[in-house]
């Protein structure tokens, strides 16, 4: 099995894990995933396919250079963007097109340490992302493992049209986070849309998604119990910087199951 085959298999496994109905992260054709192959190309889910049943034959290999040209170029019509994405495909099955959010994935996969991206629409996330509570609460931390798995904070993305506008908004939010914290965010919350989880491995992207869903279930419960009592910033910073927690992060990432 080549490195490309291994990465494709890991991305398919991540997709099926995130698409597992019991998690309630996506239904039907919602959500998408991607994985960096090398400096020139990445893999992305084909448009209209389901995460829970995604197969290797439904994954496209796309070039970063063409995507970067679209992101950094002049305003384009929807038809021009569609044609541009099709032209960016390096190889893959005939008759399918890359996800409409391919440009967003291209931008994120070029950030330091990001190898896999999982984008989902968890009900528990959108219960807040589609409400007036979207905002700072999503960036705070509620318990130590929330920090260990998901980092010290999260990036927020206002609602914009999927496609090119979303790619631009995601780049702006992720870049601002990296400037503030010295590393890419592990989670980005999209207003009225969903969640993006970033990982150096497929396993980490899945873990970040799972822990985020747990944290938001706790957050929703805390609203009914008098309001959240977030961890102090100093304690969050201490956990985020502890060597023993970094070791635990590495052990979690080495676990084989996606």
Protein backbone atom coordinates (compact mmCIF):
# COMPACT_ATOMS: atom_id res chain seq x y z
CA UNK A 1 0.00 0.00 0.00
CA UNK A 2 1.43 3.40 -1.01
CA UNK A 3 1.46 6.47 1.22
CA UNK A 4 -1.38 7.88 -0.89
CA UNK A 5 -3.44 4.74 -0.33
CA UNK A 6 -2.80 4.95 3.42
CA UNK A 7 -3.85 8.60 3.61
CA UNK A 8 -6.96 7.89 1.53
CA UNK A 9 -7.88 4.97 3.81
CA UNK A 10 -7.40 7.11 6.92
CA UNK A 11 -9.58 9.85 5.46
CA UNK A 12 -12.30 7.34 4.59
CA UNK A 13 -12.15 5.91 8.11
CA UNK A 14 -12.39 9.43 9.58
CA UNK A 15 -15.38 10.18 7.35
CA UNK A 16 -17.25 7.07 8.40
CA UNK A 17 -16.50 7.71 12.06
CA UNK A 18 -17.84 11.26 11.85
CA UNK A 19 -20.82 10.05 9.84
CA UNK A 20 -21.82 7.38 12.37
CA UNK A 21 -25.55 8.08 13.00
CA UNK A 22 -25.24 7.55 16.76
CA UNK A 23 -23.00 10.63 17.01
CA UNK A 24 -25.62 12.91 15.40
CA UNK A 25 -22.97 14.97 13.63
CA UNK A 26 -24.36 14.77 10.08
CA UNK A 27 -27.17 13.28 8.06
CA UNK A 28 -27.55 12.60 4.33
CA UNK A 29 -24.84 14.42 2.35
CA UNK A 30 -23.89 16.90 5.08
CA UNK A 31 -20.28 17.58 6.01
CA UNK A 32 -16.98 16.92 4.31
CA UNK A 33 -13.46 15.77 5.05
CA UNK A 34 -9.99 16.25 3.60
CA UNK A 35 -6.38 15.16 4.04
CA UNK A 36 -3.05 16.60 2.92
CA UNK A 37 -1.05 14.23 0.71
CA UNK A 38 2.05 16.37 0.13
CA UNK A 39 3.04 19.97 -0.54
CA UNK A 40 1.25 19.96 -3.88
CA UNK A 41 -1.98 18.01 -3.38
CA UNK A 42 -4.70 16.96 -0.97
CA UNK A 43 -7.69 14.64 -0.89
CA UNK A 44 -11.27 15.84 -0.47
CA UNK A 45 -14.70 14.22 -0.29
CA UNK A 46 -16.72 14.30 -3.49
CA UNK A 47 -19.78 16.55 -3.48
CA UNK A 48 -23.07 14.90 -2.57
CA UNK A 49 -21.56 11.79 -1.00
CA UNK A 50 -22.34 10.67 2.55
CA UNK A 51 -19.69 10.59 5.24
CA UNK A 52 -21.06 7.41 6.80
CA UNK A 53 -20.77 5.42 3.56
CA UNK A 54 -17.84 7.19 1.90
CA UNK A 55 -15.61 4.88 -0.12
CA UNK A 56 -12.11 5.38 -1.58
CA UNK A 57 -13.70 5.74 -5.01
CA UNK A 58 -15.55 8.85 -3.79
CA UNK A 59 -12.39 10.77 -2.89
CA UNK A 60 -10.74 13.27 -5.25
CA UNK A 61 -7.12 14.43 -5.31
CA UNK A 62 -6.86 18.19 -5.82
CA UNK A 63 -3.97 20.61 -6.38
CA UNK A 64 -3.20 23.35 -3.87
CA UNK A 65 -1.85 25.76 -6.49
CA UNK A 66 -5.09 25.93 -8.46
CA UNK A 67 -7.13 26.35 -5.27
CA UNK A 68 -4.82 29.10 -4.04
CA UNK A 69 -5.23 30.91 -7.35
CA UNK A 70 -9.01 30.80 -6.94
CA UNK A 71 -8.90 31.98 -3.32
CA UNK A 72 -6.51 34.83 -4.03
CA UNK A 73 -7.93 35.80 -7.40
CA UNK A 74 -10.69 38.15 -8.54
CA UNK A 75 -14.37 37.67 -7.75
CA UNK A 76 -15.89 34.79 -9.69
CA UNK A 77 -19.37 33.57 -10.48
CA UNK A 78 -20.60 30.26 -9.06
CA UNK A 79 -20.15 28.70 -12.50
CA UNK A 80 -16.57 29.94 -12.74
CA UNK A 81 -15.77 28.55 -9.28
CA UNK A 82 -17.26 25.19 -10.24
CA UNK A 83 -15.14 25.10 -13.40
CA UNK A 84 -12.08 26.17 -11.43
CA UNK A 85 -12.53 23.39 -8.89
CA UNK A 86 -12.97 20.81 -11.63
CA UNK A 87 -9.76 22.07 -13.25
CA UNK A 88 -7.96 21.70 -9.90
CA UNK A 89 -8.67 17.94 -9.75
CA UNK A 90 -5.47 15.96 -10.25
CA UNK A 91 -7.11 12.56 -10.28
CA UNK A 92 -10.30 10.85 -9.20
CA UNK A 93 -13.42 9.17 -10.53
CA UNK A 94 -15.13 10.59 -13.58
CA UNK A 95 -18.49 12.26 -13.26
CA UNK A 96 -18.06 13.65 -9.74
CA UNK A 97 -16.94 17.05 -8.51
CA UNK A 98 -15.12 18.21 -5.37
CA UNK A 99 -17.13 19.43 -2.39
CA UNK A 100 -18.28 23.04 -2.65
CA UNK A 101 -16.14 23.71 0.43
CA UNK A 102 -12.90 22.42 -1.16
CA UNK A 103 -11.34 25.89 -1.07
CA UNK A 104 -11.84 26.09 2.69
CA UNK A 105 -10.12 22.74 3.08
CA UNK A 106 -7.23 23.80 0.85
CA UNK A 107 -6.56 26.86 3.00
CA UNK A 108 -6.70 24.98 6.30
CA UNK A 109 -4.53 22.07 5.15
CA UNK A 110 -1.71 24.50 4.38
CA UNK A 111 -1.49 25.63 8.00
CA UNK A 112 1.41 24.27 10.07
CA UNK A 113 0.71 20.83 11.51
CA UNK A 114 -2.73 20.40 9.91
CA UNK A 115 -3.02 17.12 7.99
CA UNK A 116 -6.72 16.23 8.31
CA UNK A 117 -9.90 18.31 8.41
CA UNK A 118 -13.33 17.13 9.52
CA UNK A 119 -16.28 19.45 8.88
CA UNK A 120 -19.59 18.42 10.42
CA UNK A 121 -22.95 19.90 11.46
CA UNK A 122 -23.54 18.38 14.92
CA UNK A 123 -27.00 19.05 16.33
CA UNK A 124 -25.49 20.00 19.70
CA UNK A 125 -23.16 22.51 18.01
CA UNK A 126 -25.86 24.09 15.89
CA UNK A 127 -28.17 24.36 18.89
CA UNK A 128 -25.81 27.16 19.94
CA UNK A 129 -24.39 28.22 16.56
CA UNK A 130 -27.94 28.89 15.33
CA UNK A 131 -28.88 30.86 18.45
CA UNK A 132 -28.20 34.21 20.04
CA UNK A 133 -25.63 32.50 22.29
CA UNK A 134 -23.14 32.13 19.42
CA UNK A 135 -20.04 33.94 20.58
CA UNK A 136 -17.56 33.96 23.45
CA UNK A 137 -19.10 30.99 25.29
CA UNK A 138 -17.87 28.74 22.48
CA UNK A 139 -14.28 29.90 23.00
CA UNK A 140 -14.16 29.25 26.78
CA UNK A 141 -13.17 25.98 28.49
CA UNK A 142 -15.29 23.99 30.93
CA UNK A 143 -13.04 21.12 32.13
CA UNK A 144 -9.38 20.03 31.80
CA UNK A 145 -9.81 17.44 29.02
CA UNK A 146 -11.60 20.08 27.00
CA UNK A 147 -8.29 21.98 27.01
CA UNK A 148 -6.12 18.90 26.44
CA UNK A 149 -7.99 17.74 23.34
CA UNK A 150 -9.34 20.99 21.87
CA UNK A 151 -6.73 23.55 22.87
CA UNK A 152 -6.95 26.76 24.88
CA UNK A 153 -9.70 28.37 22.81
CA UNK A 154 -11.61 28.22 19.53
CA UNK A 155 -12.04 30.35 16.42
CA UNK A 156 -15.39 31.85 15.46
CA UNK A 157 -16.56 32.40 11.88
CA UNK A 158 -19.58 34.61 11.09
CA UNK A 159 -22.20 33.31 8.70
CA UNK A 160 -21.22 33.66 5.05
CA UNK A 161 -22.22 31.89 1.86
CA UNK A 162 -20.59 28.43 1.47
CA UNK A 163 -17.86 28.32 -1.14
CA UNK A 164 -15.51 31.23 -1.80
CA UNK A 165 -16.92 33.58 0.89
CA UNK A 166 -16.61 30.82 3.49
CA UNK A 167 -13.03 30.07 2.45
CA UNK A 168 -12.11 33.74 2.92
CA UNK A 169 -13.87 33.95 6.30
CA UNK A 170 -12.26 30.74 7.56
CA UNK A 171 -8.79 31.91 6.49
CA UNK A 172 -9.29 35.23 8.31
CA UNK A 173 -10.49 33.57 11.52
CA UNK A 174 -7.85 30.82 11.55
CA UNK A 175 -5.06 33.31 10.80
CA UNK A 176 -6.18 35.62 13.61
CA UNK A 177 -6.22 32.66 16.01
CA UNK A 178 -2.73 31.56 14.99
CA UNK A 179 -1.39 35.06 15.51
CA UNK A 180 -2.93 35.16 18.98
CA UNK A 181 -1.99 31.66 20.16
CA UNK A 182 1.03 30.70 18.06
CA UNK A 183 -0.67 27.66 16.51
CA UNK A 184 -3.71 26.90 14.35
CA UNK A 185 -7.04 26.42 16.12
CA UNK A 186 -8.25 22.88 16.63
CA UNK A 187 -11.86 23.99 16.32
CA UNK A 188 -13.67 26.62 14.29
CA UNK A 189 -17.35 27.31 14.96
CA UNK A 190 -19.33 28.52 11.96
CA UNK A 191 -22.35 30.68 12.68
CA UNK A 192 -25.61 29.02 11.54
CA UNK A 193 -23.54 26.27 9.96
CA UNK A 194 -21.46 23.87 12.04
CA UNK A 195 -18.01 22.80 13.21
CA UNK A 196 -14.55 22.38 11.69
CA UNK A 197 -12.03 20.15 13.50
CA UNK A 198 -8.35 20.22 12.56
CA UNK A 199 -5.83 17.50 13.32
CA UNK A 200 -2.28 16.40 12.62
CA UNK A 201 -3.84 12.95 12.17
CA UNK A 202 -7.23 11.52 11.31
CA UNK A 203 -7.46 10.27 14.88
CA UNK A 204 -6.94 13.74 16.31
CA UNK A 205 -9.57 15.30 14.04
CA UNK A 206 -12.07 12.70 15.26
CA UNK A 207 -11.10 13.21 18.92
CA UNK A 208 -11.48 16.97 18.64
CA UNK A 209 -14.95 16.54 17.15
CA UNK A 210 -16.03 14.08 19.84
CA UNK A 211 -14.71 16.20 22.73
CA UNK A 212 -16.28 19.34 21.29
CA UNK A 213 -19.66 17.63 21.12
CA UNK A 214 -19.31 16.52 24.76
CA UNK A 215 -18.29 20.01 25.88
CA UNK A 216 -21.26 21.58 24.15
CA UNK A 217 -23.68 19.09 25.68
CA UNK A 218 -22.29 20.16 29.05
CA UNK A 219 -22.56 23.82 28.08
CA UNK A 220 -26.20 23.42 27.09
CA UNK A 221 -26.90 21.63 30.37
CA UNK A 222 -25.17 24.38 32.34
CA UNK A 223 -27.53 26.99 30.87
CA UNK A 224 -30.42 25.09 32.45
CA UNK A 225 -28.55 24.76 35.76
CA UNK A 226 -27.91 28.43 36.37
CA UNK A 227 -25.29 29.22 33.74
CA UNK A 228 -21.76 28.01 32.88
CA UNK A 229 -18.89 28.36 35.31
CA UNK A 230 -15.91 28.45 32.96
CA UNK A 231 -12.36 27.56 33.99
CA UNK A 232 -10.19 30.58 34.86
CA UNK A 233 -7.94 31.70 32.02
CA UNK A 234 -4.82 31.09 34.11
CA UNK A 235 -5.80 27.46 34.70
CA UNK A 236 -6.55 26.96 31.00
CA UNK A 237 -3.13 28.38 30.10
CA UNK A 238 -1.41 26.13 32.67
CA UNK A 239 -3.04 22.96 31.33
CA UNK A 240 -2.38 23.96 27.73
CA UNK A 241 1.32 24.39 28.54
CA UNK A 242 1.97 21.40 30.82
CA UNK A 243 4.47 18.78 29.60
CA UNK A 244 2.46 15.89 31.04
CA UNK A 245 -0.61 17.02 29.14
CA UNK A 246 1.43 17.29 25.94
CA UNK A 247 2.55 13.71 26.53
CA UNK A 248 -1.06 12.60 26.99
CA UNK A 249 -2.01 14.38 23.77
CA UNK A 250 0.69 12.44 21.92
CA UNK A 251 -0.46 9.12 23.40
CA UNK A 252 -4.06 9.81 22.38
CA UNK A 253 -2.93 10.68 18.87
CA UNK A 254 -1.06 7.36 18.51
CA UNK A 255 -4.16 5.29 19.13
CA UNK A 256 -4.95 3.37 15.99
CA UNK A 257 -8.74 3.53 15.91
CA UNK A 258 -10.18 6.58 14.18
